[in-house]
Protein backbone atom coordinates (compact mmCIF):
# COMPACT_ATOMS: atom_id res chain seq x y z
CA MET A 1 -118.03 5.51 37.03
CA LEU A 2 -119.43 8.26 39.12
CA THR A 3 -123.29 8.22 37.74
CA PRO A 4 -124.10 4.90 38.58
CA ARG A 5 -122.80 5.43 42.07
CA LEU A 6 -124.91 8.57 42.29
CA LYS A 7 -127.75 6.91 41.06
CA ALA A 8 -127.63 4.22 43.69
CA TRP A 9 -127.39 6.57 46.38
CA ALA A 10 -130.42 8.77 44.97
CA LYS A 11 -132.18 5.31 44.87
CA SER A 12 -131.32 4.32 48.50
CA ALA A 13 -133.62 7.10 49.92
CA PRO A 14 -136.44 5.71 51.94
CA THR A 15 -139.24 7.23 49.88
CA THR A 16 -139.77 7.83 46.19
CA ALA A 17 -140.21 11.47 46.67
CA LEU A 18 -136.72 11.63 48.46
CA GLN A 19 -135.44 9.60 45.64
CA ARG A 20 -136.49 11.90 42.88
CA GLN A 21 -135.39 14.94 45.07
CA ARG A 22 -132.15 13.31 45.37
CA TRP A 23 -131.72 12.49 41.67
CA GLN A 24 -132.93 16.09 40.83
CA ARG A 25 -130.10 17.44 42.99
CA VAL A 26 -127.55 15.06 41.27
CA ALA A 27 -128.83 16.04 37.67
CA ILE A 28 -128.52 19.67 38.48
CA THR A 29 -125.39 19.57 40.10
CA PHE A 30 -123.58 17.27 37.86
CA GLY A 31 -125.08 18.51 34.67
CA LEU A 32 -127.17 15.31 33.92
CA ASP A 33 -130.35 14.54 31.95
CA SER A 34 -129.82 17.32 29.49
CA ARG A 35 -129.06 19.89 32.07
CA ALA A 36 -126.27 22.43 31.55
CA TRP A 37 -123.02 21.77 33.20
CA ASN A 38 -122.12 24.79 35.74
CA GLU A 39 -118.45 24.77 36.29
CA GLU A 40 -119.00 27.19 39.49
CA MET A 41 -120.94 24.38 41.33
CA VAL A 42 -117.73 23.08 42.48
CA LEU A 43 -118.78 23.39 46.32
CA GLN A 44 -122.09 21.91 45.62
CA ARG A 45 -120.74 18.83 44.02
CA TYR A 46 -118.20 18.31 46.91
CA GLU A 47 -121.15 18.55 49.29
CA LEU A 48 -123.21 16.03 47.19
CA LEU A 49 -120.24 13.61 47.04
CA TYR A 50 -119.78 14.02 50.76
CA GLU A 51 -123.49 13.32 51.45
CA ALA A 52 -123.45 10.35 49.45
CA ALA A 53 -120.37 8.99 51.24
CA LEU A 54 -118.38 8.67 47.94
CA ILE A 55 -115.24 10.41 48.87
CA ALA A 56 -112.72 9.42 51.63
CA GLU A 57 -113.50 12.30 54.18
CA ALA A 58 -117.18 11.27 54.53
CA VAL A 59 -115.99 7.81 55.30
CA ARG A 60 -113.39 9.15 57.98
CA ASP A 61 -115.89 11.56 59.53
CA ASN A 62 -118.99 9.52 59.53
CA GLY A 63 -117.59 6.03 59.66
CA LYS A 64 -120.12 4.97 56.67
CA PRO A 65 -118.78 2.24 54.53
CA ALA A 66 -118.74 3.35 50.68
CA SER A 67 -117.23 2.82 47.38
CA ILE A 68 -115.06 5.74 47.16
CA VAL A 69 -114.45 7.99 44.30
CA PRO A 70 -110.68 7.74 43.59
CA GLY A 71 -108.44 10.46 44.88
CA ARG A 72 -106.38 11.11 47.98
CA PRO A 73 -108.10 12.42 51.21
CA MET A 74 -107.27 15.78 52.51
CA THR A 75 -106.87 16.72 56.17
CA ALA A 76 -109.73 18.26 58.20
CA ASP A 77 -111.95 20.24 55.78
CA HIS A 78 -109.35 21.20 53.39
CA ARG A 79 -111.10 19.61 50.33
CA ARG A 80 -114.20 21.86 51.12
CA ILE A 81 -112.19 24.83 51.60
CA LEU A 82 -110.49 24.27 48.17
CA ALA A 83 -113.71 23.49 46.55
CA THR A 84 -115.10 26.92 47.93
CA GLY A 85 -112.13 28.64 46.57
CA ILE A 86 -112.14 27.22 43.36
CA ALA A 87 -115.87 27.98 43.00
CA ARG A 88 -115.21 31.56 44.14
CA LEU A 89 -112.46 32.04 41.53
CA ARG A 90 -114.57 30.63 38.51
CA ALA A 91 -117.37 32.96 39.48
CA LYS A 92 -114.98 35.82 39.88
CA ILE A 93 -113.22 35.26 36.50
CA LYS A 94 -116.20 36.06 34.77
CA TYR A 95 -116.29 39.85 36.17
CA ARG A 96 -112.79 40.60 37.08
CA PRO A 97 -109.46 39.93 35.53
CA VAL A 98 -108.26 37.96 38.62
CA VAL A 99 -106.21 35.53 36.35
CA PHE A 100 -103.76 38.18 35.80
CA GLU A 101 -103.09 38.25 39.61
CA LEU A 102 -101.71 34.67 38.84
CA MET A 103 -99.59 35.30 36.17
CA PRO A 104 -96.07 36.58 36.11
CA ALA A 105 -95.48 39.91 34.96
CA GLU A 106 -94.73 38.77 31.53
CA PHE A 107 -96.26 35.81 29.83
CA THR A 108 -97.08 34.15 26.51
CA LEU A 109 -100.73 33.95 25.34
CA LEU A 110 -100.59 30.16 25.70
CA GLN A 111 -99.34 30.45 29.03
CA LEU A 112 -102.45 32.77 29.79
CA GLN A 113 -104.65 30.46 27.95
CA ARG A 114 -103.51 27.52 30.28
CA CYS A 115 -104.10 29.47 33.36
CA VAL A 116 -107.67 30.37 32.28
CA GLU A 117 -108.37 26.78 31.57
CA ALA A 118 -107.07 25.52 34.83
CA LEU A 119 -109.21 28.24 36.63
CA ALA A 120 -112.40 27.60 34.54
CA GLY A 121 -112.15 23.70 34.72
CA ARG A 122 -112.81 23.71 30.92
CA LEU A 123 -110.83 24.09 27.68
CA VAL A 124 -111.08 27.16 25.67
CA HIS A 125 -110.89 27.28 21.76
CA LYS A 126 -107.30 28.83 21.15
CA GLN A 127 -108.31 31.03 18.10
CA ASN A 128 -111.51 32.30 20.17
CA PHE A 129 -109.27 33.13 23.18
CA ARG A 130 -106.77 35.03 21.17
CA ARG A 131 -109.40 37.02 19.82
CA LEU A 132 -111.16 37.86 22.98
CA MET A 133 -107.85 39.00 24.53
CA GLU A 134 -107.41 41.27 21.42
CA GLN A 135 -111.16 42.70 21.50
CA GLN A 136 -111.16 43.18 25.24
CA GLU A 137 -107.68 44.83 25.08
CA LEU A 138 -106.84 43.23 28.21
CA VAL A 139 -103.00 42.39 27.42
CA GLU A 140 -100.47 44.50 25.46
CA GLU A 141 -97.49 43.11 23.62
CA THR A 142 -94.08 43.87 25.58
CA GLY A 143 -92.05 43.75 22.36
CA ALA A 144 -89.88 40.82 23.76
CA MET A 145 -89.84 37.17 22.63
CA THR A 146 -89.39 34.17 24.60
CA SER A 147 -87.10 31.45 23.26
CA ASP A 148 -87.80 28.74 25.77
CA THR A 149 -90.77 27.28 23.80
CA VAL A 150 -90.59 24.51 20.95
CA GLY A 151 -90.65 25.85 17.74
CA ARG A 152 -90.69 29.55 16.93
CA PRO A 153 -90.46 32.14 19.55
CA ALA A 154 -93.58 33.43 21.32
CA LYS A 155 -94.38 36.99 21.94
CA LEU A 156 -94.51 38.14 25.41
CA PHE A 157 -97.47 40.03 26.81
CA ARG A 158 -98.57 41.83 29.91
CA PHE A 159 -101.62 42.82 31.49
CA ARG A 160 -103.05 46.36 30.71
CA HIS A 161 -103.66 47.67 34.32
CA ALA A 162 -105.38 50.60 32.85
CA VAL A 163 -108.12 48.64 31.71
CA GLN A 164 -109.71 48.30 35.09
CA ALA A 165 -109.81 52.16 35.38
CA GLU A 166 -111.40 52.08 31.77
CA ARG A 167 -114.08 50.10 32.53
CA ALA A 168 -117.53 51.71 33.50
CA VAL A 169 -119.03 49.16 35.63
CA ALA A 170 -117.29 46.04 37.33
CA GLY A 171 -118.14 43.12 35.04
CA THR A 172 -118.80 44.82 31.84
CA LYS A 173 -117.05 44.00 28.76
CA LEU A 174 -117.51 47.52 27.28
CA PRO A 175 -114.70 49.95 27.82
CA LEU A 176 -115.59 53.69 28.48
CA SER A 177 -115.55 55.81 25.49
CA ARG A 178 -112.14 57.33 25.01
CA PRO A 179 -111.22 60.88 24.82
């Protein structure tokens, strides 16, 4: 649904060279033409959709008629602000455990996984996620269980705050050697 509209926008450029430049930008930004998807490019995607007048805010701000991507418009530049925030969180989550700042003091691994998926904008493999949490020693069991889940009770975990002090360099996945 979006790709044909972006192609039409790229083809609407006055010169062939500009058409190619626009399409290359679309392909990079949206992971088309065998390019990798980059979840951090949230702001770039917003700005491209705005420039192509495919979102309601562009129509409102510029009076350009357009076939608009579904969604509700936001006041002023709030959608741009939101895109900026999401992009920053997605970049930061790779080198700093910001997800734990959004979690309650105690949580299940499924709750943590869903939070990570929401921030990252992509699904993660359940077993690999759990294995990574164990290997990175980011969380520890509280010894308590939650009964508000369907099926058997789930173990509750908490973030190991000591992990930040244990890391040698910001962003490294390797803990310092322990005494």
